[in-house]
PDB file of all heavy atoms in Angstrom:
ATOM      1  N   GLU A   1     -24.744   8.661 -14.435  1.00  0.00           N
ATOM      2  CA  GLU A   1     -23.504   7.981 -14.792  1.00  0.00           C
ATOM      3  C   GLU A   1     -23.290   6.766 -13.887  1.00  0.00           C
ATOM      4  O   GLU A   1     -23.500   6.839 -12.674  1.00  0.00           O
ATOM      5  CB  GLU A   1     -22.339   8.952 -14.626  1.00  0.00           C
ATOM      6  CG  GLU A   1     -20.993   8.354 -14.869  1.00  0.00           C
ATOM      7  CD  GLU A   1     -19.870   9.328 -14.521  1.00  0.00           C
ATOM      8  OE1 GLU A   1     -20.139  10.430 -14.038  1.00  0.00           O
ATOM      9  OE2 GLU A   1     -18.713   8.944 -14.736  1.00  0.00           O
ATOM     10  N   ASN A   2     -22.898   5.644 -14.459  1.00  0.00           N
ATOM     11  CA  ASN A   2     -22.567   4.446 -13.683  1.00  0.00           C
ATOM     12  C   ASN A   2     -21.071   4.408 -13.436  1.00  0.00           C
ATOM     13  O   ASN A   2     -20.286   4.755 -14.320  1.00  0.00           O
ATOM     14  CB  ASN A   2     -22.997   3.182 -14.426  1.00  0.00           C
ATOM     15  CG  ASN A   2     -24.500   3.099 -14.570  1.00  0.00           C
ATOM     16  OD1 ASN A   2     -25.237   3.684 -13.782  1.00  0.00           O
ATOM     17  ND2 ASN A   2     -24.951   2.377 -15.562  1.00  0.00           N
ATOM     18  N   PHE A   3     -20.672   3.963 -12.252  1.00  0.00           N
ATOM     19  CA  PHE A   3     -19.258   3.914 -11.905  1.00  0.00           C
ATOM     20  C   PHE A   3     -19.024   2.831 -10.873  1.00  0.00           C
ATOM     21  O   PHE A   3     -19.962   2.236 -10.349  1.00  0.00           O
ATOM     22  CB  PHE A   3     -18.767   5.272 -11.393  1.00  0.00           C
ATOM     23  CG  PHE A   3     -19.568   5.809 -10.240  1.00  0.00           C
ATOM     24  CD1 PHE A   3     -19.175   5.548  -8.948  1.00  0.00           C
ATOM     25  CD2 PHE A   3     -20.712   6.557 -10.456  1.00  0.00           C
ATOM     26  CE1 PHE A   3     -19.904   6.035  -7.880  1.00  0.00           C
ATOM     27  CE2 PHE A   3     -21.445   7.043  -9.403  1.00  0.00           C
ATOM     28  CZ  PHE A   3     -21.047   6.785  -8.105  1.00  0.00           C
ATOM     29  N   ILE A   4     -17.755   2.571 -10.582  1.00  0.00           N
ATOM     30  CA  ILE A   4     -17.358   1.519  -9.643  1.00  0.00           C
ATOM     31  C   ILE A   4     -16.654   2.154  -8.453  1.00  0.00           C
ATOM     32  O   ILE A   4     -15.862   3.078  -8.602  1.00  0.00           O
ATOM     33  CB  ILE A   4     -16.430   0.504 -10.338  1.00  0.00           C
ATOM     34  CG1 ILE A   4     -17.200  -0.204 -11.440  1.00  0.00           C
ATOM     35  CG2 ILE A   4     -15.860  -0.496  -9.347  1.00  0.00           C
ATOM     36  CD1 ILE A   4     -16.369  -1.140 -12.274  1.00  0.00           C
ATOM     37  N   ILE A   5     -16.940   1.625  -7.272  1.00  0.00           N
ATOM     38  CA  ILE A   5     -16.318   2.080  -6.030  1.00  0.00           C
ATOM     39  C   ILE A   5     -15.655   0.871  -5.379  1.00  0.00           C
ATOM     40  O   ILE A   5     -16.258  -0.195  -5.298  1.00  0.00           O
ATOM     41  CB  ILE A   5     -17.369   2.638  -5.051  1.00  0.00           C
ATOM     42  CG1 ILE A   5     -18.215   3.710  -5.711  1.00  0.00           C
ATOM     43  CG2 ILE A   5     -16.703   3.168  -3.799  1.00  0.00           C
ATOM     44  CD1 ILE A   5     -19.428   4.086  -4.912  1.00  0.00           C
ATOM     45  N   HIS A   6     -14.427   1.039  -4.907  1.00  0.00           N
ATOM     46  CA  HIS A   6     -13.770  -0.026  -4.147  1.00  0.00           C
ATOM     47  C   HIS A   6     -14.349  -0.044  -2.735  1.00  0.00           C
ATOM     48  O   HIS A   6     -14.572   0.996  -2.125  1.00  0.00           O
ATOM     49  CB  HIS A   6     -12.262   0.200  -4.063  1.00  0.00           C
ATOM     50  CG  HIS A   6     -11.542  -0.216  -5.287  1.00  0.00           C
ATOM     51  ND1 HIS A   6     -11.358  -1.545  -5.614  1.00  0.00           N
ATOM     52  CD2 HIS A   6     -10.944   0.497  -6.260  1.00  0.00           C
ATOM     53  CE1 HIS A   6     -10.688  -1.615  -6.744  1.00  0.00           C
ATOM     54  NE2 HIS A   6     -10.429  -0.384  -7.170  1.00  0.00           N
ATOM     55  N   LYS A   7     -14.559  -1.231  -2.197  1.00  0.00           N
ATOM     56  CA  LYS A   7     -15.103  -1.358  -0.845  1.00  0.00           C
ATOM     57  C   LYS A   7     -14.152  -0.788   0.201  1.00  0.00           C
ATOM     58  O   LYS A   7     -14.588  -0.230   1.198  1.00  0.00           O
ATOM     59  CB  LYS A   7     -15.407  -2.819  -0.513  1.00  0.00           C
ATOM     60  CG  LYS A   7     -16.683  -3.320  -1.122  1.00  0.00           C
ATOM     61  CD  LYS A   7     -16.977  -4.730  -0.622  1.00  0.00           C
ATOM     62  CE  LYS A   7     -18.288  -5.236  -1.151  1.00  0.00           C
ATOM     63  NZ  LYS A   7     -18.557  -6.610  -0.692  1.00  0.00           N
ATOM     64  N   TYR A   8     -12.842  -0.885  -0.028  1.00  0.00           N
ATOM     65  CA  TYR A   8     -11.930  -0.356   0.975  1.00  0.00           C
ATOM     66  C   TYR A   8     -11.924   1.168   0.991  1.00  0.00           C
ATOM     67  O   TYR A   8     -11.552   1.769   1.981  1.00  0.00           O
ATOM     68  CB  TYR A   8     -10.511  -0.920   0.827  1.00  0.00           C
ATOM     69  CG  TYR A   8      -9.771  -0.519  -0.416  1.00  0.00           C
ATOM     70  CD1 TYR A   8      -9.113   0.689  -0.512  1.00  0.00           C
ATOM     71  CD2 TYR A   8      -9.716  -1.380  -1.488  1.00  0.00           C
ATOM     72  CE1 TYR A   8      -8.436   1.042  -1.643  1.00  0.00           C
ATOM     73  CE2 TYR A   8      -9.035  -1.030  -2.631  1.00  0.00           C
ATOM     74  CZ  TYR A   8      -8.400   0.184  -2.704  1.00  0.00           C
ATOM     75  OH  TYR A   8      -7.731   0.535  -3.833  1.00  0.00           O
ATOM     76  N   ASP A   9     -12.360   1.827  -0.088  1.00  0.00           N
ATOM     77  CA  ASP A   9     -12.511   3.284  -0.060  1.00  0.00           C
ATOM     78  C   ASP A   9     -13.642   3.694   0.873  1.00  0.00           C
ATOM     79  O   ASP A   9     -13.639   4.788   1.426  1.00  0.00           O
ATOM     80  CB  ASP A   9     -12.781   3.825  -1.463  1.00  0.00           C
ATOM     81  CG  ASP A   9     -11.543   3.828  -2.338  1.00  0.00           C
ATOM     82  OD1 ASP A   9     -10.432   3.763  -1.783  1.00  0.00           O
ATOM     83  OD2 ASP A   9     -11.692   3.891  -3.573  1.00  0.00           O
ATOM     84  N   LEU A  10     -14.629   2.810   1.046  1.00  0.00           N
ATOM     85  CA  LEU A  10     -15.739   3.073   1.967  1.00  0.00           C
ATOM     86  C   LEU A  10     -15.447   2.556   3.375  1.00  0.00           C
ATOM     87  O   LEU A  10     -16.217   2.792   4.292  1.00  0.00           O
ATOM     88  CB  LEU A  10     -17.017   2.404   1.453  1.00  0.00           C
ATOM     89  CG  LEU A  10     -17.536   2.902   0.107  1.00  0.00           C
ATOM     90  CD1 LEU A  10     -18.730   2.074  -0.317  1.00  0.00           C
ATOM     91  CD2 LEU A  10     -17.910   4.366   0.179  1.00  0.00           C
ATOM     92  N   GLY A  11     -14.347   1.831   3.542  1.00  0.00           N
ATOM     93  CA  GLY A  11     -13.989   1.298   4.844  1.00  0.00           C
ATOM     94  C   GLY A  11     -14.666  -0.027   5.160  1.00  0.00           C
ATOM     95  O   GLY A  11     -14.730  -0.428   6.320  1.00  0.00           O
ATOM     96  N   LEU A  12     -15.157  -0.733   4.154  1.00  0.00           N
ATOM     97  CA  LEU A  12     -15.852  -1.995   4.386  1.00  0.00           C
ATOM     98  C   LEU A  12     -14.895  -3.175   4.518  1.00  0.00           C
ATOM     99  O   LEU A  12     -15.208  -4.150   5.189  1.00  0.00           O
ATOM    100  CB  LEU A  12     -16.848  -2.262   3.254  1.00  0.00           C
ATOM    101  CG  LEU A  12     -17.955  -1.217   3.105  1.00  0.00           C
ATOM    102  CD1 LEU A  12     -18.798  -1.532   1.888  1.00  0.00           C
ATOM    103  CD2 LEU A  12     -18.819  -1.194   4.340  1.00  0.00           C
ATOM    104  N   ILE A  13     -13.738  -3.116   3.850  1.00  0.00           N
ATOM    105  CA  ILE A  13     -12.733  -4.177   3.941  1.00  0.00           C
ATOM    106  C   ILE A  13     -11.358  -3.533   4.045  1.00  0.00           C
ATOM    107  O   ILE A  13     -11.194  -2.341   3.784  1.00  0.00           O
ATOM    108  CB  ILE A  13     -12.773  -5.131   2.714  1.00  0.00           C
ATOM    109  CG1 ILE A  13     -12.506  -4.381   1.416  1.00  0.00           C
ATOM    110  CG2 ILE A  13     -14.079  -5.888   2.650  1.00  0.00           C
ATOM    111  CD1 ILE A  13     -12.358  -5.284   0.195  1.00  0.00           C
ATOM    112  N   GLU A  14     -10.360  -4.340   4.416  1.00  0.00           N
ATOM    113  CA  GLU A  14      -8.985  -3.839   4.451  1.00  0.00           C
ATOM    114  C   GLU A  14      -8.457  -3.665   3.034  1.00  0.00           C
ATOM    115  O   GLU A  14      -8.884  -4.349   2.117  1.00  0.00           O
ATOM    116  CB  GLU A  14      -8.089  -4.820   5.201  1.00  0.00           C
ATOM    117  CG  GLU A  14      -8.340  -4.872   6.677  1.00  0.00           C
ATOM    118  CD  GLU A  14      -7.359  -5.776   7.377  1.00  0.00           C
ATOM    119  OE1 GLU A  14      -6.245  -5.989   6.843  1.00  0.00           O
ATOM    120  OE2 GLU A  14      -7.708  -6.270   8.446  1.00  0.00           O
ATOM    121  N   LYS A  15      -7.499  -2.772   2.881  1.00  0.00           N
ATOM    122  CA  LYS A  15      -6.924  -2.517   1.567  1.00  0.00           C
ATOM    123  C   LYS A  15      -6.136  -3.740   1.101  1.00  0.00           C
ATOM    124  O   LYS A  15      -5.223  -4.198   1.794  1.00  0.00           O
ATOM    125  CB  LYS A  15      -6.013  -1.299   1.620  1.00  0.00           C
ATOM    126  CG  LYS A  15      -5.573  -0.818   0.275  1.00  0.00           C
ATOM    127  CD  LYS A  15      -4.893   0.532   0.373  1.00  0.00           C
ATOM    128  CE  LYS A  15      -4.538   1.031  -0.993  1.00  0.00           C
ATOM    129  NZ  LYS A  15      -3.970   2.360  -0.969  1.00  0.00           N
ATOM    130  N   PRO A  16      -6.488  -4.290  -0.074  1.00  0.00           N
ATOM    131  CA  PRO A  16      -5.763  -5.464  -0.564  1.00  0.00           C
ATOM    132  C   PRO A  16      -4.356  -5.110  -1.043  1.00  0.00           C
ATOM    133  O   PRO A  16      -4.077  -3.976  -1.421  1.00  0.00           O
ATOM    134  CB  PRO A  16      -6.614  -5.951  -1.732  1.00  0.00           C
ATOM    135  CG  PRO A  16      -7.398  -4.770  -2.155  1.00  0.00           C
ATOM    136  CD  PRO A  16      -7.559  -3.888  -0.959  1.00  0.00           C
ATOM    137  N   ARG A  17      -3.479  -6.083  -1.046  1.00  0.00           N
ATOM    138  CA  ARG A  17      -2.105  -5.889  -1.508  1.00  0.00           C
ATOM    139  C   ARG A  17      -1.988  -6.443  -2.925  1.00  0.00           C
ATOM    140  O   ARG A  17      -2.341  -7.579  -3.189  1.00  0.00           O
ATOM    141  CB  ARG A  17      -1.143  -6.595  -0.579  1.00  0.00           C
ATOM    142  CG  ARG A  17      -1.352  -6.209   0.861  1.00  0.00           C
ATOM    143  CD  ARG A  17      -0.049  -6.243   1.617  1.00  0.00           C
ATOM    144  NE  ARG A  17      -0.217  -6.049   3.039  1.00  0.00           N
ATOM    145  CZ  ARG A  17      -0.472  -4.893   3.615  1.00  0.00           C
ATOM    146  NH1 ARG A  17      -0.607  -3.821   2.901  1.00  0.00           N
ATOM    147  NH2 ARG A  17      -0.589  -4.803   4.929  1.00  0.00           N
ATOM    148  N   TYR A  18      -1.483  -5.611  -3.840  1.00  0.00           N
ATOM    149  CA  TYR A  18      -1.367  -5.988  -5.247  1.00  0.00           C
ATOM    150  C   TYR A  18       0.068  -6.267  -5.665  1.00  0.00           C
ATOM    151  O   TYR A  18       0.358  -6.374  -6.830  1.00  0.00           O
ATOM    152  CB  TYR A  18      -1.931  -4.887  -6.139  1.00  0.00           C
ATOM    153  CG  TYR A  18      -3.402  -4.664  -5.981  1.00  0.00           C
ATOM    154  CD1 TYR A  18      -3.882  -3.484  -5.429  1.00  0.00           C
ATOM    155  CD2 TYR A  18      -4.321  -5.624  -6.385  1.00  0.00           C
ATOM    156  CE1 TYR A  18      -5.235  -3.273  -5.294  1.00  0.00           C
ATOM    157  CE2 TYR A  18      -5.669  -5.420  -6.251  1.00  0.00           C
ATOM    158  CZ  TYR A  18      -6.123  -4.241  -5.704  1.00  0.00           C
ATOM    159  OH  TYR A  18      -7.468  -4.039  -5.568  1.00  0.00           O
ATOM    160  N   GLY A  19       1.009  -6.317  -4.746  1.00  0.00           N
ATOM    161  CA  GLY A  19       2.411  -6.494  -5.114  1.00  0.00           C
ATOM    162  C   GLY A  19       2.995  -5.172  -5.579  1.00  0.00           C
ATOM    163  O   GLY A  19       2.923  -4.174  -4.881  1.00  0.00           O
ATOM    164  N   LYS A  20       3.544  -5.118  -6.786  1.00  0.00           N
ATOM    165  CA  LYS A  20       4.166  -3.896  -7.295  1.00  0.00           C
ATOM    166  C   LYS A  20       3.162  -2.937  -7.930  1.00  0.00           C
ATOM    167  O   LYS A  20       3.490  -1.804  -8.226  1.00  0.00           O
ATOM    168  CB  LYS A  20       5.240  -4.253  -8.317  1.00  0.00           C
ATOM    169  CG  LYS A  20       6.419  -4.961  -7.711  1.00  0.00           C
ATOM    170  CD  LYS A  20       7.499  -5.218  -8.721  1.00  0.00           C
ATOM    171  CE  LYS A  20       8.678  -5.899  -8.070  1.00  0.00           C
ATOM    172  NZ  LYS A  20       9.768  -6.146  -9.007  1.00  0.00           N
ATOM    173  N   PHE A  21       1.929  -3.387  -8.156  1.00  0.00           N
ATOM    174  CA  PHE A  21       0.904  -2.534  -8.755  1.00  0.00           C
ATOM    175  C   PHE A  21       0.464  -1.473  -7.750  1.00  0.00           C
ATOM    176  O   PHE A  21       0.145  -1.768  -6.611  1.00  0.00           O
ATOM    177  CB  PHE A  21      -0.302  -3.385  -9.165  1.00  0.00           C
ATOM    178  CG  PHE A  21      -1.415  -2.588  -9.767  1.00  0.00           C
ATOM    179  CD1 PHE A  21      -1.312  -2.088 -11.040  1.00  0.00           C
ATOM    180  CD2 PHE A  21      -2.573  -2.344  -9.044  1.00  0.00           C
ATOM    181  CE1 PHE A  21      -2.340  -1.349 -11.600  1.00  0.00           C
ATOM    182  CE2 PHE A  21      -3.596  -1.613  -9.593  1.00  0.00           C
ATOM    183  CZ  PHE A  21      -3.483  -1.121 -10.868  1.00  0.00           C
ATOM    184  N   ASN A  22       0.456  -0.205  -8.151  1.00  0.00           N
ATOM    185  CA  ASN A  22       0.115   0.896  -7.259  1.00  0.00           C
ATOM    186  C   ASN A  22      -1.203   1.517  -7.716  1.00  0.00           C
ATOM    187  O   ASN A  22      -1.235   2.324  -8.639  1.00  0.00           O
ATOM    188  CB  ASN A  22       1.239   1.929  -7.265  1.00  0.00           C
ATOM    189  CG  ASN A  22       1.020   3.015  -6.241  1.00  0.00           C
ATOM    190  OD1 ASN A  22      -0.031   3.110  -5.636  1.00  0.00           O
ATOM    191  ND2 ASN A  22       2.035   3.834  -6.051  1.00  0.00           N
ATOM    192  N   LEU A  23      -2.301   1.166  -7.061  1.00  0.00           N
ATOM    193  CA  LEU A  23      -3.615   1.654  -7.447  1.00  0.00           C
ATOM    194  C   LEU A  23      -3.754   3.159  -7.229  1.00  0.00           C
ATOM    195  O   LEU A  23      -4.373   3.855  -8.029  1.00  0.00           O
ATOM    196  CB  LEU A  23      -4.702   0.904  -6.674  1.00  0.00           C
ATOM    197  CG  LEU A  23      -6.131   1.266  -7.043  1.00  0.00           C
ATOM    198  CD1 LEU A  23      -6.398   0.914  -8.505  1.00  0.00           C
ATOM    199  CD2 LEU A  23      -7.106   0.562  -6.147  1.00  0.00           C
ATOM    200  N   ASP A  24      -3.164   3.678  -6.154  1.00  0.00           N
ATOM    201  CA  ASP A  24      -3.261   5.115  -5.889  1.00  0.00           C
ATOM    202  C   ASP A  24      -2.617   5.930  -7.012  1.00  0.00           C
ATOM    203  O   ASP A  24      -3.128   6.974  -7.404  1.00  0.00           O
ATOM    204  CB  ASP A  24      -2.616   5.459  -4.548  1.00  0.00           C
ATOM    205  CG  ASP A  24      -3.370   4.836  -3.388  1.00  0.00           C
ATOM    206  OD1 ASP A  24      -4.606   4.713  -3.503  1.00  0.00           O
ATOM    207  OD2 ASP A  24      -2.735   4.466  -2.395  1.00  0.00           O
ATOM    208  N   TYR A  25      -1.497   5.455  -7.543  1.00  0.00           N
ATOM    209  CA  TYR A  25      -0.850   6.135  -8.668  1.00  0.00           C
ATOM    210  C   TYR A  25      -1.760   6.116  -9.897  1.00  0.00           C
ATOM    211  O   TYR A  25      -1.907   7.113 -10.590  1.00  0.00           O
ATOM    212  CB  TYR A  25       0.489   5.471  -8.990  1.00  0.00           C
ATOM    213  CG  TYR A  25       1.141   6.024 -10.235  1.00  0.00           C
ATOM    214  CD1 TYR A  25       1.756   7.268 -10.215  1.00  0.00           C
ATOM    215  CD2 TYR A  25       1.118   5.319 -11.424  1.00  0.00           C
ATOM    216  CE1 TYR A  25       2.335   7.794 -11.355  1.00  0.00           C
ATOM    217  CE2 TYR A  25       1.694   5.831 -12.573  1.00  0.00           C
ATOM    218  CZ  TYR A  25       2.303   7.063 -12.531  1.00  0.00           C
ATOM    219  OH  TYR A  25       2.859   7.587 -13.666  1.00  0.00           O
ATOM    220  N   CYS A  26      -2.398   4.976 -10.137  1.00  0.00           N
ATOM    221  CA  CYS A  26      -3.295   4.864 -11.294  1.00  0.00           C
ATOM    222  C   CYS A  26      -4.497   5.795 -11.160  1.00  0.00           C
ATOM    223  O   CYS A  26      -4.988   6.329 -12.143  1.00  0.00           O
ATOM    224  CB  CYS A  26      -3.767   3.427 -11.468  1.00  0.00           C
ATOM    225  SG  CYS A  26      -2.457   2.322 -11.965  1.00  0.00           S
ATOM    226  N   LYS A  27      -4.977   5.987  -9.939  1.00  0.00           N
ATOM    227  CA  LYS A  27      -6.089   6.914  -9.726  1.00  0.00           C
ATOM    228  C   LYS A  27      -5.670   8.333 -10.086  1.00  0.00           C
ATOM    229  O   LYS A  27      -6.441   9.085 -10.669  1.00  0.00           O
ATOM    230  CB  LYS A  27      -6.546   6.869  -8.267  1.00  0.00           C
ATOM    231  CG  LYS A  27      -7.404   5.693  -7.943  1.00  0.00           C
ATOM    232  CD  LYS A  27      -7.887   5.804  -6.515  1.00  0.00           C
ATOM    233  CE  LYS A  27      -8.782   4.669  -6.145  1.00  0.00           C
ATOM    234  NZ  LYS A  27      -9.269   4.783  -4.769  1.00  0.00           N
ATOM    235  N   ARG A  28      -4.434   8.721  -9.734  1.00  0.00           N
ATOM    236  CA  ARG A  28      -3.970  10.078 -10.042  1.00  0.00           C
ATOM    237  C   ARG A  28      -3.793  10.267 -11.543  1.00  0.00           C
ATOM    238  O   ARG A  28      -4.129  11.304 -12.095  1.00  0.00           O
ATOM    239  CB  ARG A  28      -2.650  10.362  -9.335  1.00  0.00           C
ATOM    240  CG  ARG A  28      -2.767  10.600  -7.868  1.00  0.00           C
ATOM    241  CD  ARG A  28      -1.498  11.205  -7.292  1.00  0.00           C
ATOM    242  NE  ARG A  28      -0.284  10.517  -7.684  1.00  0.00           N
ATOM    243  CZ  ARG A  28       0.270   9.512  -7.032  1.00  0.00           C
ATOM    244  NH1 ARG A  28      -0.273   9.065  -5.934  1.00  0.00           N
ATOM    245  NH2 ARG A  28       1.381   8.959  -7.465  1.00  0.00           N
ATOM    246  N   VAL A  29      -3.239   9.260 -12.224  1.00  0.00           N
ATOM    247  CA  VAL A  29      -2.952   9.353 -13.650  1.00  0.00           C
ATOM    248  C   VAL A  29      -4.229   9.295 -14.473  1.00  0.00           C
ATOM    249  O   VAL A  29      -4.386  10.002 -15.452  1.00  0.00           O
ATOM    250  CB  VAL A  29      -1.980   8.221 -14.079  1.00  0.00           C
ATOM    251  CG1 VAL A  29      -1.839   8.169 -15.581  1.00  0.00           C
ATOM    252  CG2 VAL A  29      -0.638   8.436 -13.434  1.00  0.00           C
ATOM    253  N   GLY A  30      -5.183   8.480 -14.067  1.00  0.00           N
ATOM    254  CA  GLY A  30      -6.370   8.223 -14.875  1.00  0.00           C
ATOM    255  C   GLY A  30      -7.565   9.095 -14.581  1.00  0.00           C
ATOM    256  O   GLY A  30      -8.693   8.667 -14.770  1.00  0.00           O
ATOM    257  N   LYS A  31      -7.361  10.314 -14.105  1.00  0.00           N
ATOM    258  CA  LYS A  31      -8.498  11.200 -13.822  1.00  0.00           C
ATOM    259  C   LYS A  31      -9.267  11.466 -15.109  1.00  0.00           C
ATOM    260  O   LYS A  31      -8.674  11.626 -16.176  1.00  0.00           O
ATOM    261  CB  LYS A  31      -8.011  12.515 -13.235  1.00  0.00           C
ATOM    262  CG  LYS A  31      -7.396  12.378 -11.880  1.00  0.00           C
ATOM    263  CD  LYS A  31      -8.145  13.182 -10.901  1.00  0.00           C
ATOM    264  CE  LYS A  31      -7.433  13.082  -9.560  1.00  0.00           C
ATOM    265  NZ  LYS A  31      -8.302  12.980  -8.488  1.00  0.00           N
ATOM    266  N   PRO A  32     -10.585  11.537 -15.049  1.00  0.00           N
ATOM    267  CA  PRO A  32     -11.400  11.774 -16.248  1.00  0.00           C
ATOM    268  C   PRO A  32     -11.043  13.057 -16.989  1.00  0.00           C
ATOM    269  O   PRO A  32     -11.178  13.123 -18.193  1.00  0.00           O
ATOM    270  CB  PRO A  32     -12.814  11.837 -15.697  1.00  0.00           C
ATOM    271  CG  PRO A  32     -12.769  11.006 -14.479  1.00  0.00           C
ATOM    272  CD  PRO A  32     -11.403  11.220 -13.894  1.00  0.00           C
ATOM    273  N   SER A  33     -10.565  14.087 -16.293  1.00  0.00           N
ATOM    274  CA  SER A  33     -10.195  15.315 -16.981  1.00  0.00           C
ATOM    275  C   SER A  33      -9.065  15.048 -17.983  1.00  0.00           C
ATOM    276  O   SER A  33      -9.031  15.633 -19.053  1.00  0.00           O
ATOM    277  CB  SER A  33      -9.764  16.386 -15.982  1.00  0.00           C
ATOM    278  OG  SER A  33      -8.653  15.935 -15.234  1.00  0.00           O
ATOM    279  N   THR A  34      -8.160  14.130 -17.631  1.00  0.00           N
ATOM    280  CA  THR A  34      -7.087  13.751 -18.542  1.00  0.00           C
ATOM    281  C   THR A  34      -7.666  13.064 -19.774  1.00  0.00           C
ATOM    282  O   THR A  34      -7.271  13.339 -20.899  1.00  0.00           O
ATOM    283  CB  THR A  34      -6.092  12.806 -17.848  1.00  0.00           C
ATOM    284  OG1 THR A  34      -5.644  13.421 -16.649  1.00  0.00           O
ATOM    285  CG2 THR A  34      -4.907  12.509 -18.737  1.00  0.00           C
ATOM    286  N   PHE A  35      -8.642  12.182 -19.569  1.00  0.00           N
ATOM    287  CA  PHE A  35      -9.280  11.494 -20.679  1.00  0.00           C
ATOM    288  C   PHE A  35      -9.985  12.480 -21.607  1.00  0.00           C
ATOM    289  O   PHE A  35      -9.945  12.343 -22.816  1.00  0.00           O
ATOM    290  CB  PHE A  35     -10.289  10.459 -20.180  1.00  0.00           C
ATOM    291  CG  PHE A  35      -9.656   9.295 -19.486  1.00  0.00           C
ATOM    292  CD1 PHE A  35     -10.165   8.848 -18.287  1.00  0.00           C
ATOM    293  CD2 PHE A  35      -8.564   8.641 -20.016  1.00  0.00           C
ATOM    294  CE1 PHE A  35      -9.606   7.780 -17.641  1.00  0.00           C
ATOM    295  CE2 PHE A  35      -7.984   7.571 -19.382  1.00  0.00           C
ATOM    296  CZ  PHE A  35      -8.507   7.139 -18.183  1.00  0.00           C
ATOM    297  N   ASP A  36     -10.651  13.491 -21.029  1.00  0.00           N
ATOM    298  CA  ASP A  36     -11.340  14.480 -21.849  1.00  0.00           C
ATOM    299  C   ASP A  36     -10.363  15.252 -22.727  1.00  0.00           C
ATOM    300  O   ASP A  36     -10.628  15.519 -23.888  1.00  0.00           O
ATOM    301  CB  ASP A  36     -12.125  15.454 -20.969  1.00  0.00           C
ATOM    302  CG  ASP A  36     -13.312  14.784 -20.290  1.00  0.00           C
ATOM    303  OD1 ASP A  36     -13.757  13.728 -20.791  1.00  0.00           O
ATOM    304  OD2 ASP A  36     -13.771  15.310 -19.268  1.00  0.00           O
ATOM    305  N   LYS A  37      -9.202  15.592 -22.173  1.00  0.00           N
ATOM    306  CA  LYS A  37      -8.192  16.307 -22.958  1.00  0.00           C
ATOM    307  C   LYS A  37      -7.684  15.435 -24.096  1.00  0.00           C
ATOM    308  O   LYS A  37      -7.518  15.904 -25.216  1.00  0.00           O
ATOM    309  CB  LYS A  37      -7.033  16.722 -22.064  1.00  0.00           C
ATOM    310  CG  LYS A  37      -7.384  17.815 -21.084  1.00  0.00           C
ATOM    311  CD  LYS A  37      -6.219  18.111 -20.174  1.00  0.00           C
ATOM    312  CE  LYS A  37      -6.622  19.096 -19.093  1.00  0.00           C
ATOM    313  NZ  LYS A  37      -5.565  19.294 -18.110  1.00  0.00           N
ATOM    314  N   VAL A  38      -7.430  14.165 -23.820  1.00  0.00           N
ATOM    315  CA  VAL A  38      -6.945  13.257 -24.854  1.00  0.00           C
ATOM    316  C   VAL A  38      -8.008  13.058 -25.920  1.00  0.00           C
ATOM    317  O   VAL A  38      -7.731  13.095 -27.113  1.00  0.00           O
ATOM    318  CB  VAL A  38      -6.531  11.906 -24.234  1.00  0.00           C
ATOM    319  CG1 VAL A  38      -6.251  10.876 -25.310  1.00  0.00           C
ATOM    320  CG2 VAL A  38      -5.324  12.089 -23.340  1.00  0.00           C
TER     321      VAL A  38
END
């Protein structure tokens, strides 16, 4: 399976600021198990 990893998850760069966008929330909501159920 091919996938994408953020560099800041590996500690290579500082966590970028997205303003009001919350990436951690999106990670919780978008788990693949949820997609499989849908």
